[in-house]
């Protein structure tokens, strides 16, 4: 058996965030080609082709959903920069979960996050970067890398990666889960 992996790259817009999305096609064949299984398209949790990935969304619909998702993540960023959890709370569903390690301490629950943001105070020089946004109709996953953390609890020059899961609600996109990795 041998696996054949093909990667296709397409540029779908002038928006650099949406350029060079990838779709992989995987096919398994026997050495003598007597047996073949086509797994079709496999979408990794990295940027990929908008057309293949969002079969039911037009480009316009995708961009509208993308903007709504980024708006929710921006509330988190604004609250982090200003050290005010009340700025980020509207982005979170009331039953959202939160997990990660802050040093050796396991951080659990959004209340931990909100308290930490308030106690840390402003971190005006953080440099957030949206690494990826994956949208599947009513759910989305966002990876956010943030460097330059500072403040009472963070110290200085700290970097972390966040994975957010969002759910499309009647009131807009809400964060339903946040997991993070704090780079020591």
Foldseek 3Di string as FASTA:
>chain_A
DDKDKDKDADQDDPPPQQHGFIWIWIKDADPVRPDIDTPGIDHDQAGHDPCVQCVPDDPVRVVVQVVLLVVLVVQVVVLQQALALVSNVVQADPQAWEWEDDDPDIDIDVVSVRVCSNQFGHQNPKDKDWRDWHDDPFKIKTKIKIFFGDGDRPHGGWIKIKIFMWGQDPVTIHTRYIYMYTDD
